[in-house]
């Protein structure tokens, strides 16, 4: 009878312990979620880590902790946790997608592409993996595959303005200027106040020989974003192409007022000065360009002084 009594007491104690542990476990997850949602990612990691001690085979917990590491910029730790989540659930679409994003942040574009490809295999009807993979291909200079992915993104999401922009830029970098102009024009209809669109379309117009439209677009990009130093440099190049060196020099100087270390502004202003016979000013600008970007140095500049 006494043994039976102790068994009952032990059972009740175990039940109470397990129930309390479950409550603590649930509280840890709730507190972790609350910390994450309030932007307190360090505390979120602490809560999720404690929950993982209780339940080390929960892929959602690894995913949540990975998201916290990602938000803190601790991408390698995020990748580790995304990988643990995938090991526990090989069909975890979001884990592949987000691990791809972490690889992307580390500029490991090949691994990012692999993860985005797996995410697409798991869920081919969601556009974001195509879009992200397109960006990864762009960063590798693989514009053909980038264009294919942005095209698929637009099939799934026809008003995705960034896909029009980046497909347009991919066409631009592939010397397919008319397609670039078409895509960037569609992007401008969707996002008419985006200076990046007009900057790139201005370059595309310049490449097709449409100087007036190139100047118009680059000027509008500057109107929308007055500190757009690259747009000043690009417009300076357009002016220089029609031998309007005074206007070109004004634009290069404006770019340097925004970014005093813009090597391309120095270099191109040096070329403009050279073309109007201002050789001393040109020499100064070439030296400054070389100082900030060694790829712009002449052989004489690279040789040591005697």
C-alpha atoms as a PDB file:
ATOM      1  CA  UNK A   1       0.000   0.000   0.000  1.00  0.00           C
ATOM      2  CA  UNK A   2       2.862   2.364   0.924  1.00  0.00           C
ATOM      3  CA  UNK A   3       4.690   1.526  -2.341  1.00  0.00           C
ATOM      4  CA  UNK A   4       1.523   2.241  -4.282  1.00  0.00           C
ATOM      5  CA  UNK A   5       1.222   5.590  -2.496  1.00  0.00           C
ATOM      6  CA  UNK A   6       4.811   6.564  -3.397  1.00  0.00           C
ATOM      7  CA  UNK A   7       4.245   5.528  -7.010  1.00  0.00           C
ATOM      8  CA  UNK A   8       1.201   7.813  -7.199  1.00  0.00           C
ATOM      9  CA  UNK A   9       3.117  10.697  -5.598  1.00  0.00           C
ATOM     10  CA  UNK A  10       6.088  10.159  -7.959  1.00  0.00           C
ATOM     11  CA  UNK A  11       3.775  10.068 -10.952  1.00  0.00           C
ATOM     12  CA  UNK A  12       2.063  13.269  -9.899  1.00  0.00           C
ATOM     13  CA  UNK A  13       5.442  14.934  -9.319  1.00  0.00           C
ATOM     14  CA  UNK A  14       6.705  13.849 -12.738  1.00  0.00           C
ATOM     15  CA  UNK A  15       3.503  15.075 -14.373  1.00  0.00           C
ATOM     16  CA  UNK A  16       3.806  18.421 -12.597  1.00  0.00           C
ATOM     17  CA  UNK A  17       7.474  18.698 -13.540  1.00  0.00           C
ATOM     18  CA  UNK A  18       6.830  17.930 -17.190  1.00  0.00           C
ATOM     19  CA  UNK A  19       3.870  20.302 -17.241  1.00  0.00           C
ATOM     20  CA  UNK A  20       5.989  23.061 -15.696  1.00  0.00           C
ATOM     21  CA  UNK A  21       8.801  22.326 -18.159  1.00  0.00           C
ATOM     22  CA  UNK A  22       6.341  22.566 -21.048  1.00  0.00           C
ATOM     23  CA  UNK A  23       5.082  25.884 -19.709  1.00  0.00           C
ATOM     24  CA  UNK A  24       8.671  27.149 -19.382  1.00  0.00           C
ATOM     25  CA  UNK A  25       9.404  25.921 -22.919  1.00  0.00           C
ATOM     26  CA  UNK A  26       6.380  27.705 -24.350  1.00  0.00           C
ATOM     27  CA  UNK A  27       7.243  30.845 -22.389  1.00  0.00           C
ATOM     28  CA  UNK A  28      10.777  30.793 -23.771  1.00  0.00           C
ATOM     29  CA  UNK A  29       9.448  30.675 -27.329  1.00  0.00           C
ATOM     30  CA  UNK A  30       6.876  33.396 -26.637  1.00  0.00           C
ATOM     31  CA  UNK A  31       9.496  35.607 -25.028  1.00  0.00           C
ATOM     32  CA  UNK A  32      11.865  34.945 -27.929  1.00  0.00           C
ATOM     33  CA  UNK A  33       9.187  35.901 -30.440  1.00  0.00           C
ATOM     34  CA  UNK A  34       8.344  39.059 -28.491  1.00  0.00           C
ATOM     35  CA  UNK A  35      12.030  40.042 -28.296  1.00  0.00           C
ATOM     36  CA  UNK A  36      12.484  39.411 -32.029  1.00  0.00           C
ATOM     37  CA  UNK A  37       9.404  41.431 -32.958  1.00  0.00           C
ATOM     38  CA  UNK A  38      10.619  44.348 -30.841  1.00  0.00           C
ATOM     39  CA  UNK A  39      14.057  44.251 -32.487  1.00  0.00           C
ATOM     40  CA  UNK A  40      15.870  42.867 -29.432  1.00  0.00           C
ATOM     41  CA  UNK A  41      17.655  40.135 -31.352  1.00  0.00           C
ATOM     42  CA  UNK A  42      20.254  39.322 -28.701  1.00  0.00           C
ATOM     43  CA  UNK A  43      17.563  38.496 -26.172  1.00  0.00           C
ATOM     44  CA  UNK A  44      15.666  36.544 -28.824  1.00  0.00           C
ATOM     45  CA  UNK A  45      18.767  34.404 -29.402  1.00  0.00           C
ATOM     46  CA  UNK A  46      19.087  33.752 -25.671  1.00  0.00           C
ATOM     47  CA  UNK A  47      15.459  32.633 -25.375  1.00  0.00           C
ATOM     48  CA  UNK A  48      15.591  30.424 -28.474  1.00  0.00           C
ATOM     49  CA  UNK A  49      18.875  28.886 -27.301  1.00  0.00           C
ATOM     50  CA  UNK A  50      17.320  27.942 -23.950  1.00  0.00           C
ATOM     51  CA  UNK A  51      14.319  26.453 -25.752  1.00  0.00           C
ATOM     52  CA  UNK A  52      16.657  24.411 -27.950  1.00  0.00           C
ATOM     53  CA  UNK A  53      18.238  22.846 -24.854  1.00  0.00           C
ATOM     54  CA  UNK A  54      14.787  21.471 -24.009  1.00  0.00           C
ATOM     55  CA  UNK A  55      13.883  20.585 -27.618  1.00  0.00           C
ATOM     56  CA  UNK A  56      17.041  20.216 -29.738  1.00  0.00           C
ATOM     57  CA  UNK A  57      15.188  18.710 -32.714  1.00  0.00           C
ATOM     58  CA  UNK A  58      12.865  21.612 -33.485  1.00  0.00           C
ATOM     59  CA  UNK A  59      13.620  23.027 -36.933  1.00  0.00           C
ATOM     60  CA  UNK A  60      11.433  26.092 -36.315  1.00  0.00           C
ATOM     61  CA  UNK A  61      13.544  27.082 -33.324  1.00  0.00           C
ATOM     62  CA  UNK A  62      16.749  26.842 -35.347  1.00  0.00           C
ATOM     63  CA  UNK A  63      15.079  28.932 -38.056  1.00  0.00           C
ATOM     64  CA  UNK A  64      13.942  31.578 -35.558  1.00  0.00           C
ATOM     65  CA  UNK A  65      17.414  31.801 -34.033  1.00  0.00           C
ATOM     66  CA  UNK A  66      18.938  31.996 -37.527  1.00  0.00           C
ATOM     67  CA  UNK A  67      16.645  34.930 -38.322  1.00  0.00           C
ATOM     68  CA  UNK A  68      17.898  36.699 -35.196  1.00  0.00           C
ATOM     69  CA  UNK A  69      21.533  36.127 -36.140  1.00  0.00           C
ATOM     70  CA  UNK A  70      20.767  37.387 -39.649  1.00  0.00           C
ATOM     71  CA  UNK A  71      19.236  40.618 -38.342  1.00  0.00           C
ATOM     72  CA  UNK A  72      22.411  41.207 -36.307  1.00  0.00           C
ATOM     73  CA  UNK A  73      24.585  40.720 -39.399  1.00  0.00           C
ATOM     74  CA  UNK A  74      26.070  37.513 -37.981  1.00  0.00           C
ATOM     75  CA  UNK A  75      25.618  35.694 -41.245  1.00  0.00           C
ATOM     76  CA  UNK A  76      27.879  32.696 -40.634  1.00  0.00           C
ATOM     77  CA  UNK A  77      25.996  31.838 -37.449  1.00  0.00           C
ATOM     78  CA  UNK A  78      22.732  32.329 -39.297  1.00  0.00           C
ATOM     79  CA  UNK A  79      23.901  29.913 -41.997  1.00  0.00           C
ATOM     80  CA  UNK A  80      24.751  27.313 -39.353  1.00  0.00           C
ATOM     81  CA  UNK A  81      21.250  27.495 -37.863  1.00  0.00           C
ATOM     82  CA  UNK A  82      19.488  27.542 -41.241  1.00  0.00           C
ATOM     83  CA  UNK A  83      21.501  24.426 -42.097  1.00  0.00           C
ATOM     84  CA  UNK A  84      20.406  22.712 -38.871  1.00  0.00           C
ATOM     85  CA  UNK A  85      16.791  23.524 -39.720  1.00  0.00           C
ATOM     86  CA  UNK A  86      17.250  22.042 -43.201  1.00  0.00           C
ATOM     87  CA  UNK A  87      18.817  18.882 -41.774  1.00  0.00           C
ATOM     88  CA  UNK A  88      15.720  18.396 -39.635  1.00  0.00           C
ATOM     89  CA  UNK A  89      13.337  19.289 -42.477  1.00  0.00           C
ATOM     90  CA  UNK A  90      14.876  18.954 -45.971  1.00  0.00           C
ATOM     91  CA  UNK A  91      11.725  20.487 -47.509  1.00  0.00           C
ATOM     92  CA  UNK A  92      11.992  23.731 -45.487  1.00  0.00           C
ATOM     93  CA  UNK A  93      11.509  26.305 -48.279  1.00  0.00           C
ATOM     94  CA  UNK A  94      12.026  29.410 -46.119  1.00  0.00           C
ATOM     95  CA  UNK A  95      15.258  28.031 -44.653  1.00  0.00           C
ATOM     96  CA  UNK A  96      16.764  27.553 -48.127  1.00  0.00           C
ATOM     97  CA  UNK A  97      15.593  31.010 -49.207  1.00  0.00           C
ATOM     98  CA  UNK A  98      16.953  32.745 -46.114  1.00  0.00           C
ATOM     99  CA  UNK A  99      20.214  30.794 -46.116  1.00  0.00           C
ATOM    100  CA  UNK A 100      20.622  31.947 -49.708  1.00  0.00           C
ATOM    101  CA  UNK A 101      20.164  35.532 -48.504  1.00  0.00           C
ATOM    102  CA  UNK A 102      22.851  35.011 -45.847  1.00  0.00           C
ATOM    103  CA  UNK A 103      25.272  33.657 -48.454  1.00  0.00           C
ATOM    104  CA  UNK A 104      24.386  36.648 -50.653  1.00  0.00           C
ATOM    105  CA  UNK A 105      25.277  39.044 -47.835  1.00  0.00           C
ATOM    106  CA  UNK A 106      28.669  37.314 -47.588  1.00  0.00           C
ATOM    107  CA  UNK A 107      29.068  37.720 -51.378  1.00  0.00           C
ATOM    108  CA  UNK A 108      29.122  33.942 -51.747  1.00  0.00           C
ATOM    109  CA  UNK A 109      26.918  34.145 -54.809  1.00  0.00           C
ATOM    110  CA  UNK A 110      27.419  30.574 -56.009  1.00  0.00           C
ATOM    111  CA  UNK A 111      26.129  29.086 -52.762  1.00  0.00           C
ATOM    112  CA  UNK A 112      23.334  31.650 -52.752  1.00  0.00           C
ATOM    113  CA  UNK A 113      22.316  30.493 -56.236  1.00  0.00           C
ATOM    114  CA  UNK A 114      22.332  26.861 -55.097  1.00  0.00           C
ATOM    115  CA  UNK A 115      19.982  27.657 -52.226  1.00  0.00           C
ATOM    116  CA  UNK A 116      17.656  29.798 -54.327  1.00  0.00           C
ATOM    117  CA  UNK A 117      17.519  26.994 -56.899  1.00  0.00           C
ATOM    118  CA  UNK A 118      16.501  24.505 -54.190  1.00  0.00           C
ATOM    119  CA  UNK A 119      13.865  26.943 -52.934  1.00  0.00           C
ATOM    120  CA  UNK A 120      12.492  27.203 -56.481  1.00  0.00           C
ATOM    121  CA  UNK A 121      12.352  23.414 -56.743  1.00  0.00           C
ATOM    122  CA  UNK A 122      10.336  23.294 -53.521  1.00  0.00           C
ATOM    123  CA  UNK A 123       8.008  26.154 -54.429  1.00  0.00           C
ATOM    124  CA  UNK A 124       8.206  27.210 -58.088  1.00  0.00           C
ATOM    125  CA  UNK A 125       5.229  29.578 -57.829  1.00  0.00           C
ATOM    126  CA  UNK A 126       6.846  32.101 -55.469  1.00  0.00           C
ATOM    127  CA  UNK A 127       8.654  34.880 -57.288  1.00  0.00           C
ATOM    128  CA  UNK A 128      11.129  36.005 -54.611  1.00  0.00           C
ATOM    129  CA  UNK A 129      13.613  33.132 -55.088  1.00  0.00           C
ATOM    130  CA  UNK A 130      13.763  33.855 -58.839  1.00  0.00           C
ATOM    131  CA  UNK A 131      14.336  37.538 -58.141  1.00  0.00           C
ATOM    132  CA  UNK A 132      17.066  36.918 -55.570  1.00  0.00           C
ATOM    133  CA  UNK A 133      18.762  34.382 -57.831  1.00  0.00           C
ATOM    134  CA  UNK A 134      18.668  36.941 -60.639  1.00  0.00           C
ATOM    135  CA  UNK A 135      20.492  39.423 -58.406  1.00  0.00           C
ATOM    136  CA  UNK A 136      23.101  36.775 -57.571  1.00  0.00           C
ATOM    137  CA  UNK A 137      23.640  36.024 -61.261  1.00  0.00           C
ATOM    138  CA  UNK A 138      23.997  39.777 -61.906  1.00  0.00           C
ATOM    139  CA  UNK A 139      26.717  40.020 -59.293  1.00  0.00           C
ATOM    140  CA  UNK A 140      28.584  37.211 -61.070  1.00  0.00           C
ATOM    141  CA  UNK A 141      28.234  39.004 -64.409  1.00  0.00           C
ATOM    142  CA  UNK A 142      25.968  36.233 -65.739  1.00  0.00           C
ATOM    143  CA  UNK A 143      23.456  38.572 -67.323  1.00  0.00           C
ATOM    144  CA  UNK A 144      21.796  35.935 -69.509  1.00  0.00           C
ATOM    145  CA  UNK A 145      20.668  33.873 -66.513  1.00  0.00           C
ATOM    146  CA  UNK A 146      19.828  37.050 -64.597  1.00  0.00           C
ATOM    147  CA  UNK A 147      17.512  38.152 -67.406  1.00  0.00           C
ATOM    148  CA  UNK A 148      15.816  34.743 -67.400  1.00  0.00           C
ATOM    149  CA  UNK A 149      15.174  34.956 -63.654  1.00  0.00           C
ATOM    150  CA  UNK A 150      13.864  38.521 -63.752  1.00  0.00           C
ATOM    151  CA  UNK A 151      11.604  37.485 -66.633  1.00  0.00           C
ATOM    152  CA  UNK A 152      10.194  34.634 -64.552  1.00  0.00           C
ATOM    153  CA  UNK A 153       9.734  37.010 -61.614  1.00  0.00           C
ATOM    154  CA  UNK A 154       7.703  39.321 -63.847  1.00  0.00           C
ATOM    155  CA  UNK A 155       5.588  36.420 -65.074  1.00  0.00           C
ATOM    156  CA  UNK A 156       4.663  35.673 -61.478  1.00  0.00           C
ATOM    157  CA  UNK A 157       4.502  39.313 -60.359  1.00  0.00           C
ATOM    158  CA  UNK A 158       3.929  41.595 -63.386  1.00  0.00           C
ATOM    159  CA  UNK A 159       4.314  44.858 -61.427  1.00  0.00           C
ATOM    160  CA  UNK A 160       7.593  44.025 -59.709  1.00  0.00           C
ATOM    161  CA  UNK A 161       9.383  47.280 -60.482  1.00  0.00           C
ATOM    162  CA  UNK A 162      12.845  46.179 -59.350  1.00  0.00           C
ATOM    163  CA  UNK A 163      12.764  43.267 -61.791  1.00  0.00           C
ATOM    164  CA  UNK A 164      12.156  45.722 -64.635  1.00  0.00           C
ATOM    165  CA  UNK A 165      15.027  47.870 -63.343  1.00  0.00           C
ATOM    166  CA  UNK A 166      17.529  45.043 -62.934  1.00  0.00           C
ATOM    167  CA  UNK A 167      16.494  43.277 -66.127  1.00  0.00           C
ATOM    168  CA  UNK A 168      16.973  46.628 -67.843  1.00  0.00           C
ATOM    169  CA  UNK A 169      20.421  47.009 -66.271  1.00  0.00           C
ATOM    170  CA  UNK A 170      21.260  43.427 -67.303  1.00  0.00           C
ATOM    171  CA  UNK A 171      20.255  44.249 -70.880  1.00  0.00           C
ATOM    172  CA  UNK A 172      22.342  47.438 -70.639  1.00  0.00           C
ATOM    173  CA  UNK A 173      25.393  45.477 -69.485  1.00  0.00           C
ATOM    174  CA  UNK A 174      24.774  43.009 -72.334  1.00  0.00           C
ATOM    175  CA  UNK A 175      24.775  45.892 -74.871  1.00  0.00           C
ATOM    176  CA  UNK A 176      21.100  45.251 -75.651  1.00  0.00           C
ATOM    177  CA  UNK A 177      20.239  48.927 -75.347  1.00  0.00           C
ATOM    178  CA  UNK A 178      16.756  48.954 -76.873  1.00  0.00           C
ATOM    179  CA  UNK A 179      15.520  46.240 -74.520  1.00  0.00           C
ATOM    180  CA  UNK A 180      17.140  48.126 -71.645  1.00  0.00           C
ATOM    181  CA  UNK A 181      15.255  51.285 -72.595  1.00  0.00           C
ATOM    182  CA  UNK A 182      11.975  49.362 -72.870  1.00  0.00           C
ATOM    183  CA  UNK A 183      12.344  47.811 -69.413  1.00  0.00           C
ATOM    184  CA  UNK A 184      13.464  51.016 -67.751  1.00  0.00           C
ATOM    185  CA  UNK A 185      10.562  52.890 -69.342  1.00  0.00           C
ATOM    186  CA  UNK A 186       8.141  50.333 -67.866  1.00  0.00           C
ATOM    187  CA  UNK A 187       9.877  50.756 -64.509  1.00  0.00           C
ATOM    188  CA  UNK A 188       9.492  54.548 -64.752  1.00  0.00           C
ATOM    189  CA  UNK A 189       5.731  54.158 -65.218  1.00  0.00           C
ATOM    190  CA  UNK A 190       5.553  52.076 -62.035  1.00  0.00           C
ATOM    191  CA  UNK A 191       7.993  54.196 -60.004  1.00  0.00           C
ATOM    192  CA  UNK A 192       8.249  57.648 -61.625  1.00  0.00           C
ATOM    193  CA  UNK A 193      10.372  59.216 -58.885  1.00  0.00           C
ATOM    194  CA  UNK A 194      13.208  56.691 -58.819  1.00  0.00           C
ATOM    195  CA  UNK A 195      16.449  58.403 -59.940  1.00  0.00           C
ATOM    196  CA  UNK A 196      18.217  55.075 -60.585  1.00  0.00           C
ATOM    197  CA  UNK A 197      15.802  54.350 -63.440  1.00  0.00           C
ATOM    198  CA  UNK A 198      16.549  57.607 -65.251  1.00  0.00           C
ATOM    199  CA  UNK A 199      20.287  57.276 -64.626  1.00  0.00           C
ATOM    200  CA  UNK A 200      20.447  53.877 -66.304  1.00  0.00           C
ATOM    201  CA  UNK A 201      18.031  54.784 -69.081  1.00  0.00           C
ATOM    202  CA  UNK A 202      20.093  57.903 -69.724  1.00  0.00           C
ATOM    203  CA  UNK A 203      23.166  55.732 -70.218  1.00  0.00           C
ATOM    204  CA  UNK A 204      21.199  53.426 -72.536  1.00  0.00           C
ATOM    205  CA  UNK A 205      20.032  56.404 -74.609  1.00  0.00           C
ATOM    206  CA  UNK A 206      23.625  57.645 -74.780  1.00  0.00           C
ATOM    207  CA  UNK A 207      24.751  54.238 -76.037  1.00  0.00           C
ATOM    208  CA  UNK A 208      22.148  54.403 -78.821  1.00  0.00           C
ATOM    209  CA  UNK A 209      23.339  57.877 -79.840  1.00  0.00           C
ATOM    210  CA  UNK A 210      20.263  59.689 -78.525  1.00  0.00           C
ATOM    211  CA  UNK A 211      22.220  62.484 -76.861  1.00  0.00           C
ATOM    212  CA  UNK A 212      19.320  64.823 -76.096  1.00  0.00           C
ATOM    213  CA  UNK A 213      17.299  62.108 -74.364  1.00  0.00           C
ATOM    214  CA  UNK A 214      20.391  60.945 -72.495  1.00  0.00           C
ATOM    215  CA  UNK A 215      20.993  64.453 -71.128  1.00  0.00           C
ATOM    216  CA  UNK A 216      17.297  64.787 -70.282  1.00  0.00           C
ATOM    217  CA  UNK A 217      17.199  61.543 -68.302  1.00  0.00           C
ATOM    218  CA  UNK A 218      20.468  62.166 -66.465  1.00  0.00           C
ATOM    219  CA  UNK A 219      19.356  65.711 -65.624  1.00  0.00           C
ATOM    220  CA  UNK A 220      16.084  64.380 -64.239  1.00  0.00           C
ATOM    221  CA  UNK A 221      17.970  61.815 -62.151  1.00  0.00           C
ATOM    222  CA  UNK A 222      19.961  64.703 -60.666  1.00  0.00           C
ATOM    223  CA  UNK A 223      16.770  66.689 -60.045  1.00  0.00           C
ATOM    224  CA  UNK A 224      15.316  63.755 -58.124  1.00  0.00           C
ATOM    225  CA  UNK A 225      18.564  63.149 -56.229  1.00  0.00           C
ATOM    226  CA  UNK A 226      20.846  66.224 -56.236  1.00  0.00           C
ATOM    227  CA  UNK A 227      23.746  64.311 -54.610  1.00  0.00           C
ATOM    228  CA  UNK A 228      23.859  61.687 -57.372  1.00  0.00           C
ATOM    229  CA  UNK A 229      27.571  62.020 -58.195  1.00  0.00           C
ATOM    230  CA  UNK A 230      27.538  59.127 -60.691  1.00  0.00           C
ATOM    231  CA  UNK A 231      24.785  60.871 -62.663  1.00  0.00           C
ATOM    232  CA  UNK A 232      26.928  64.021 -62.874  1.00  0.00           C
ATOM    233  CA  UNK A 233      29.855  61.946 -64.144  1.00  0.00           C
ATOM    234  CA  UNK A 234      27.642  60.216 -66.720  1.00  0.00           C
ATOM    235  CA  UNK A 235      26.178  63.501 -67.947  1.00  0.00           C
ATOM    236  CA  UNK A 236      29.697  64.917 -68.104  1.00  0.00           C
ATOM    237  CA  UNK A 237      30.671  62.029 -70.397  1.00  0.00           C
ATOM    238  CA  UNK A 238      27.687  62.774 -72.639  1.00  0.00           C
ATOM    239  CA  UNK A 239      28.665  66.461 -72.879  1.00  0.00           C
ATOM    240  CA  UNK A 240      32.271  65.474 -73.595  1.00  0.00           C
ATOM    241  CA  UNK A 241      31.086  63.193 -76.425  1.00  0.00           C
ATOM    242  CA  UNK A 242      29.708  66.261 -78.238  1.00  0.00           C
ATOM    243  CA  UNK A 243      32.859  68.296 -77.411  1.00  0.00           C
ATOM    244  CA  UNK A 244      31.089  70.484 -74.867  1.00  0.00           C
ATOM    245  CA  UNK A 245      34.030  70.312 -72.482  1.00  0.00           C
ATOM    246  CA  UNK A 246      33.024  73.311 -70.387  1.00  0.00           C
ATOM    247  CA  UNK A 247      29.728  71.625 -69.452  1.00  0.00           C
ATOM    248  CA  UNK A 248      31.531  68.326 -68.931  1.00  0.00           C
ATOM    249  CA  UNK A 249      34.041  69.947 -66.541  1.00  0.00           C
ATOM    250  CA  UNK A 250      31.171  71.572 -64.627  1.00  0.00           C
ATOM    251  CA  UNK A 251      29.546  68.161 -64.135  1.00  0.00           C
ATOM    252  CA  UNK A 252      32.745  66.403 -63.102  1.00  0.00           C
ATOM    253  CA  UNK A 253      33.442  69.216 -60.628  1.00  0.00           C
ATOM    254  CA  UNK A 254      29.904  68.904 -59.233  1.00  0.00           C
ATOM    255  CA  UNK A 255      30.499  65.178 -58.742  1.00  0.00           C
ATOM    256  CA  UNK A 256      33.729  65.899 -56.866  1.00  0.00           C
ATOM    257  CA  UNK A 257      31.971  68.406 -54.631  1.00  0.00           C
ATOM    258  CA  UNK A 258      29.705  65.526 -53.588  1.00  0.00           C
ATOM    259  CA  UNK A 259      32.430  62.864 -53.414  1.00  0.00           C
ATOM    260  CA  UNK A 260      35.971  64.303 -53.290  1.00  0.00           C
ATOM    261  CA  UNK A 261      37.402  60.803 -53.821  1.00  0.00           C
ATOM    262  CA  UNK A 262      35.501  59.967 -57.007  1.00  0.00           C
ATOM    263  CA  UNK A 263      38.372  58.688 -59.148  1.00  0.00           C
ATOM    264  CA  UNK A 264      36.330  58.577 -62.371  1.00  0.00           C
ATOM    265  CA  UNK A 265      35.319  62.207 -61.972  1.00  0.00           C
ATOM    266  CA  UNK A 266      38.994  63.196 -61.629  1.00  0.00           C
ATOM    267  CA  UNK A 267      40.041  61.032 -64.557  1.00  0.00           C
ATOM    268  CA  UNK A 268      37.358  62.257 -66.943  1.00  0.00           C
ATOM    269  CA  UNK A 269      37.831  65.868 -65.906  1.00  0.00           C
ATOM    270  CA  UNK A 270      41.529  65.357 -66.642  1.00  0.00           C
ATOM    271  CA  UNK A 271      40.625  64.133 -70.144  1.00  0.00           C
ATOM    272  CA  UNK A 272      38.393  67.188 -70.653  1.00  0.00           C
ATOM    273  CA  UNK A 273      41.140  69.554 -69.471  1.00  0.00           C
ATOM    274  CA  UNK A 274      43.569  67.818 -71.816  1.00  0.00           C
ATOM    275  CA  UNK A 275      41.191  68.343 -74.716  1.00  0.00           C
ATOM    276  CA  UNK A 276      41.069  72.114 -74.108  1.00  0.00           C
ATOM    277  CA  UNK A 277      44.840  72.364 -73.649  1.00  0.00           C
ATOM    278  CA  UNK A 278      44.858  72.760 -69.847  1.00  0.00           C
ATOM    279  CA  UNK A 279      47.659  70.241 -69.389  1.00  0.00           C
ATOM    280  CA  UNK A 280      48.710  71.238 -65.873  1.00  0.00           C
ATOM    281  CA  UNK A 281      45.138  70.884 -64.586  1.00  0.00           C
ATOM    282  CA  UNK A 282      44.825  67.609 -66.482  1.00  0.00           C
ATOM    283  CA  UNK A 283      48.020  66.259 -64.909  1.00  0.00           C
ATOM    284  CA  UNK A 284      46.750  67.122 -61.428  1.00  0.00           C
ATOM    285  CA  UNK A 285      43.445  65.321 -62.075  1.00  0.00           C
ATOM    286  CA  UNK A 286      45.151  62.238 -63.495  1.00  0.00           C
ATOM    287  CA  UNK A 287      47.354  62.046 -60.398  1.00  0.00           C
ATOM    288  CA  UNK A 288      44.325  62.273 -58.135  1.00  0.00           C
ATOM    289  CA  UNK A 289      42.489  59.606 -60.145  1.00  0.00           C
ATOM    290  CA  UNK A 290      45.502  57.328 -59.797  1.00  0.00           C
ATOM    291  CA  UNK A 291      45.647  58.015 -56.064  1.00  0.00           C
ATOM    292  CA  UNK A 292      42.058  56.836 -55.538  1.00  0.00           C
ATOM    293  CA  UNK A 293      41.926  54.051 -58.132  1.00  0.00           C
ATOM    294  CA  UNK A 294      45.117  52.294 -59.178  1.00  0.00           C
ATOM    295  CA  UNK A 295      43.444  50.867 -62.281  1.00  0.00           C
ATOM    296  CA  UNK A 296      43.350  54.434 -63.671  1.00  0.00           C
ATOM    297  CA  UNK A 297      47.098  54.944 -63.320  1.00  0.00           C
ATOM    298  CA  UNK A 298      49.368  55.261 -66.348  1.00  0.00           C
ATOM    299  CA  UNK A 299      52.574  53.222 -66.519  1.00  0.00           C
ATOM    300  CA  UNK A 300      54.613  56.336 -65.695  1.00  0.00           C
ATOM    301  CA  UNK A 301      52.539  56.879 -62.560  1.00  0.00           C
ATOM    302  CA  UNK A 302      53.105  53.296 -61.437  1.00  0.00           C
ATOM    303  CA  UNK A 303      56.891  53.373 -61.925  1.00  0.00           C
ATOM    304  CA  UNK A 304      58.937  54.376 -58.840  1.00  0.00           C
ATOM    305  CA  UNK A 305      60.586  57.800 -58.873  1.00  0.00           C
ATOM    306  CA  UNK A 306      64.277  57.811 -59.821  1.00  0.00           C
END
